[in-house]
Protein backbone atom coordinates (compact mmCIF):
# COMPACT_ATOMS: atom_id res chain seq x y z
CA MET A 1 44.25 129.65 134.45
CA GLN A 2 41.87 127.78 132.19
CA THR A 3 43.23 124.48 130.96
CA ASP A 4 41.14 124.55 127.77
CA ARG A 5 43.22 127.42 126.45
CA LEU A 6 46.48 126.97 124.67
CA LEU A 7 49.14 127.34 127.31
CA ALA A 8 51.56 127.73 124.42
CA ALA A 9 50.04 131.01 123.36
CA PHE A 10 52.38 133.24 125.32
CA PHE A 11 53.68 136.32 123.62
CA LEU A 12 56.65 138.61 124.08
CA ILE A 13 57.56 141.69 122.09
CA TYR A 14 60.92 143.46 122.16
CA ALA A 15 61.52 147.04 121.20
CA PHE A 16 65.05 146.24 120.08
CA PRO A 17 66.86 143.04 119.11
CA ALA A 18 67.97 140.96 122.05
CA ALA A 19 69.31 137.55 122.94
CA ALA A 20 66.88 134.66 122.71
CA GLN A 21 64.30 134.79 125.50
CA SER A 22 61.96 132.20 126.94
CA THR A 23 58.23 132.54 127.46
CA LYS A 24 58.36 129.91 130.22
CA ALA A 25 58.97 130.73 133.88
CA GLU A 26 61.79 129.73 136.23
CA LEU A 27 61.88 129.29 139.99
CA TYR A 28 65.12 128.90 141.90
CA GLY A 29 66.57 129.49 145.33
CA THR A 30 68.51 128.11 148.29
CA LEU A 31 67.48 125.98 151.26
CA HIS A 32 69.24 126.55 154.55
CA ASP A 33 68.91 125.63 158.21
CA PRO A 34 68.03 128.10 161.01
CA SER A 35 71.71 129.03 161.37
CA GLY A 36 71.97 129.93 157.68
CA LEU A 37 73.99 126.89 156.55
CA ALA A 38 73.12 125.38 153.17
CA LEU A 39 71.06 122.18 153.16
CA ALA A 40 72.38 119.73 150.56
CA SER A 41 70.40 116.69 149.32
CA ALA A 42 67.05 118.11 150.38
CA GLN A 43 63.97 117.13 148.38
CA VAL A 44 62.05 119.96 146.70
CA ARG A 45 58.74 119.32 144.95
CA LEU A 46 56.88 121.92 142.89
CA THR A 47 53.20 121.32 142.06
CA ASN A 48 51.03 123.24 139.61
CA ALA A 49 47.83 124.11 141.48
CA SER A 50 45.69 123.95 138.33
CA THR A 51 46.95 120.72 136.77
CA ASN A 52 48.59 118.94 139.76
CA ALA A 53 51.64 118.35 137.56
CA ASP A 54 54.74 117.76 139.70
CA ALA A 55 58.39 118.57 139.22
CA THR A 56 61.09 117.49 141.69
CA SER A 57 64.61 118.65 142.45
CA VAL A 58 67.38 117.73 144.90
CA THR A 59 69.46 120.55 146.33
CA GLY A 60 73.16 120.64 145.55
CA PRO A 61 76.09 121.17 147.93
CA ASP A 62 75.25 124.88 148.03
CA GLY A 63 71.63 124.14 148.96
CA GLY A 64 70.41 125.40 145.61
CA TYR A 65 67.43 124.17 143.59
CA HIS A 66 66.22 125.25 140.15
CA PHE A 67 63.06 124.58 138.14
CA PHE A 68 63.07 125.45 134.43
CA ALA A 69 60.47 125.78 131.64
CA LEU A 70 57.44 126.17 133.89
CA PRO A 71 54.06 127.16 132.44
CA ALA A 72 52.66 130.36 133.91
CA GLY A 73 50.36 129.66 136.85
CA THR A 74 50.09 129.21 140.61
CA TYR A 75 52.31 126.66 142.34
CA ARG A 76 52.86 124.91 145.66
CA LEU A 77 56.41 124.15 146.81
CA THR A 78 57.25 121.44 149.38
CA ALA A 79 60.76 121.04 150.83
CA SER A 80 61.88 118.23 153.12
CA LYS A 81 65.04 116.70 154.59
CA GLN A 82 65.66 114.14 157.31
CA GLY A 83 66.08 115.85 160.66
CA PHE A 84 64.06 118.91 159.60
CA GLN A 85 60.39 119.80 159.48
CA THR A 86 58.69 119.69 156.10
CA LEU A 87 58.01 123.17 154.71
CA LYS A 88 55.08 123.81 152.36
CA ARG A 89 54.75 127.14 150.56
CA GLU A 90 51.37 127.84 148.91
CA GLY A 91 50.32 130.46 146.39
CA ILE A 92 53.53 130.94 144.41
CA THR A 93 52.43 132.85 141.30
CA LEU A 94 54.68 132.65 138.26
CA ARG A 95 53.94 134.78 135.21
CA VAL A 96 55.05 134.30 131.64
CA GLY A 97 58.79 134.92 131.34
CA ASP A 98 59.38 135.24 135.11
CA ALA A 99 62.69 134.22 136.70
CA THR A 100 61.89 134.22 140.42
CA ALA A 101 64.20 133.63 143.37
CA LEU A 102 62.79 132.05 146.54
CA ASP A 103 65.09 131.18 149.47
CA LEU A 104 63.67 129.05 152.29
CA SER A 105 64.70 128.02 155.80
CA LEU A 106 63.79 124.58 157.21
CA PRO A 107 63.23 124.43 160.99
CA ILE A 108 64.86 121.57 162.88
CA GLY A 109 62.44 118.79 163.82
CA ASP A 110 60.83 115.58 162.61
CA VAL A 111 60.16 115.28 158.90
CA THR A 112 56.53 114.36 159.69
CA GLN A 113 56.04 117.81 161.21
CA GLN A 114 54.90 120.35 158.65
CA ILE A 115 54.89 124.13 158.36
CA GLU A 116 52.57 125.78 155.84
CA ILE A 117 53.12 129.30 154.55
CA THR A 118 50.34 131.10 152.66
CA ALA A 119 49.29 134.62 151.63
CA GLN A 120 52.82 135.82 150.98
CA ALA A 121 53.71 139.14 149.37
CA PRO A 122 54.45 139.01 145.61
CA LEU A 123 57.92 137.64 144.87
CA LEU A 124 60.49 140.08 143.57
CA GLN A 125 62.02 139.73 140.12
CA THR A 126 65.71 140.37 140.70
CA SER A 127 67.15 138.74 137.58
CA ARG A 128 65.23 140.64 134.90
CA GLY A 129 67.31 143.34 133.20
CA THR A 130 64.43 144.73 131.16
CA ALA A 131 61.30 146.80 131.63
CA SER A 132 58.16 144.73 131.11
CA PHE A 133 54.38 144.91 131.27
CA LEU A 134 52.16 141.89 131.85
CA VAL A 135 48.74 141.55 130.24
CA ASP A 136 47.10 138.88 132.39
CA GLN A 137 44.03 136.73 131.74
CA GLN A 138 41.68 139.20 133.43
CA LYS A 139 42.67 141.95 130.99
CA VAL A 140 42.52 139.57 128.02
CA ASP A 141 39.01 138.43 128.98
CA ASN A 142 37.42 141.70 130.11
CA LEU A 143 38.85 144.63 128.15
CA PRO A 144 36.95 145.63 125.00
CA LEU A 145 38.65 144.95 121.68
CA ASP A 146 37.97 146.07 118.14
CA GLY A 147 37.59 142.67 116.52
CA ARG A 148 39.32 139.48 117.67
CA ASN A 149 42.89 140.82 117.60
CA PHE A 150 44.93 141.09 120.82
CA ILE A 151 47.33 143.70 119.38
CA PRO A 152 45.46 146.71 120.91
CA LEU A 153 46.22 145.29 124.37
CA ILE A 154 49.92 145.89 123.71
CA ALA A 155 49.18 149.62 123.81
CA LEU A 156 48.33 149.30 127.53
CA SER A 157 52.08 149.23 128.18
CA PRO A 158 53.77 152.58 128.87
CA GLY A 159 55.71 153.89 125.89
CA VAL A 160 53.70 151.91 123.32
CA ALA A 161 51.73 153.66 120.58
CA LEU A 162 49.41 151.94 118.12
CA PRO A 163 48.39 154.03 115.09
CA PRO A 164 44.71 153.71 114.01
CA ASN A 165 43.91 150.64 111.88
CA SER A 166 47.43 149.28 112.38
CA THR A 167 48.78 146.01 113.80
CA LEU A 168 52.32 147.40 114.06
CA PRO A 169 52.89 148.96 117.50
CA ARG A 170 55.62 151.58 117.99
CA ILE A 171 57.54 150.98 121.22
CA ASN A 172 59.43 153.95 122.66
CA GLY A 173 59.57 155.47 119.19
CA SER A 174 61.24 152.46 117.56
CA ARG A 175 60.35 151.20 114.11
CA PRO A 176 57.76 148.37 114.18
CA ARG A 177 59.97 145.81 112.46
CA THR A 178 62.65 146.03 115.13
CA SER A 179 60.31 144.12 117.46
CA GLU A 180 60.48 140.39 118.14
CA TYR A 181 57.37 138.21 118.55
CA LEU A 182 57.73 134.91 120.42
CA TYR A 183 55.08 132.26 121.07
CA ASP A 184 56.32 129.62 123.52
CA GLY A 185 59.85 130.85 122.87
CA ILE A 186 59.58 130.44 119.09
CA SER A 187 59.88 133.43 116.78
CA VAL A 188 56.99 133.96 114.36
CA LEU A 189 58.70 136.63 112.29
CA GLN A 190 59.19 136.03 108.60
CA PRO A 191 62.89 136.35 107.67
CA GLU A 192 61.96 138.92 105.03
CA PRO A 193 60.61 141.55 105.33
CA GLY A 194 60.39 141.03 109.11
CA GLN A 195 56.61 140.80 109.29
CA VAL A 196 54.64 138.71 111.79
CA ALA A 197 53.60 135.44 110.18
CA TYR A 198 50.91 134.43 112.67
CA PHE A 199 48.61 136.16 115.16
CA PRO A 200 46.82 133.82 117.62
CA ILE A 201 43.13 134.41 118.25
CA ILE A 202 42.24 136.06 121.52
CA ASP A 203 40.56 132.90 122.91
CA ALA A 204 43.88 131.02 122.67
CA ILE A 205 45.80 133.44 124.90
CA ASP A 206 46.09 133.15 128.67
CA GLU A 207 48.51 136.03 129.14
CA PHE A 208 51.41 137.75 127.44
CA ARG A 209 54.22 140.11 128.32
CA VAL A 210 55.48 143.22 126.58
CA GLU A 211 59.20 143.34 127.30
CA ILE A 212 61.55 146.14 126.36
CA THR A 213 65.31 145.70 126.35
CA ALA A 214 67.37 148.20 128.27
CA THR A 215 69.92 148.81 125.52
CA ARG A 216 69.33 149.97 121.96
CA LEU A 217 71.40 148.15 119.33
CA ASN A 218 72.60 149.65 116.05
CA THR A 219 70.67 147.28 113.83
CA ALA A 220 67.11 147.03 112.64
CA ALA A 221 67.18 143.35 111.72
CA PRO A 222 64.98 141.16 113.99
CA THR A 223 66.64 138.25 115.76
CA GLY A 224 65.31 134.72 115.81
CA ALA A 225 64.38 132.84 118.93
């Protein structure tokens, strides 16, 4: 991820009104010993591979840890506790809007001993109750666009139609103004008549997600963030 881009330029669109959503990512899970017992008071450090920004957490009585409001990117997680080997997990990829669970087991040993885990399979998203489609930086950079507008990239998502010369996508047959646009978790819809107040230029976008709620509501009024 390029640091000269606006990391705030994340985008979500909803086919139907929904509860407020976040464009940041979350990572959470449980630490346990080889027998499966929870490890309380363990130190967990999460490092952004691009910026080297650190966040730390201490596991609770249930062995749980939780990191909120993370920028999309690749991370390294390090977990340690006295009496156990230090565990380092590389290559954790978090996308815009992800809520990812990662449970880890610490082997018994000296804290100066270290285990490194790399090249893992993609983490499963078990907490997302919606269908979504990610437009990553490679698509943003390489796919041809008519002008400097990112809206045509929304039509890459299944179920999305974009009429010619329009910036109002139709998602699963819904009316355009039932969609919600969020940048960094903030709605950019005008209260009336529900039009988008601001479209970021393509150079300011790292990635965005098209997210469709699972349940249709009986209202056409857009919700705020």
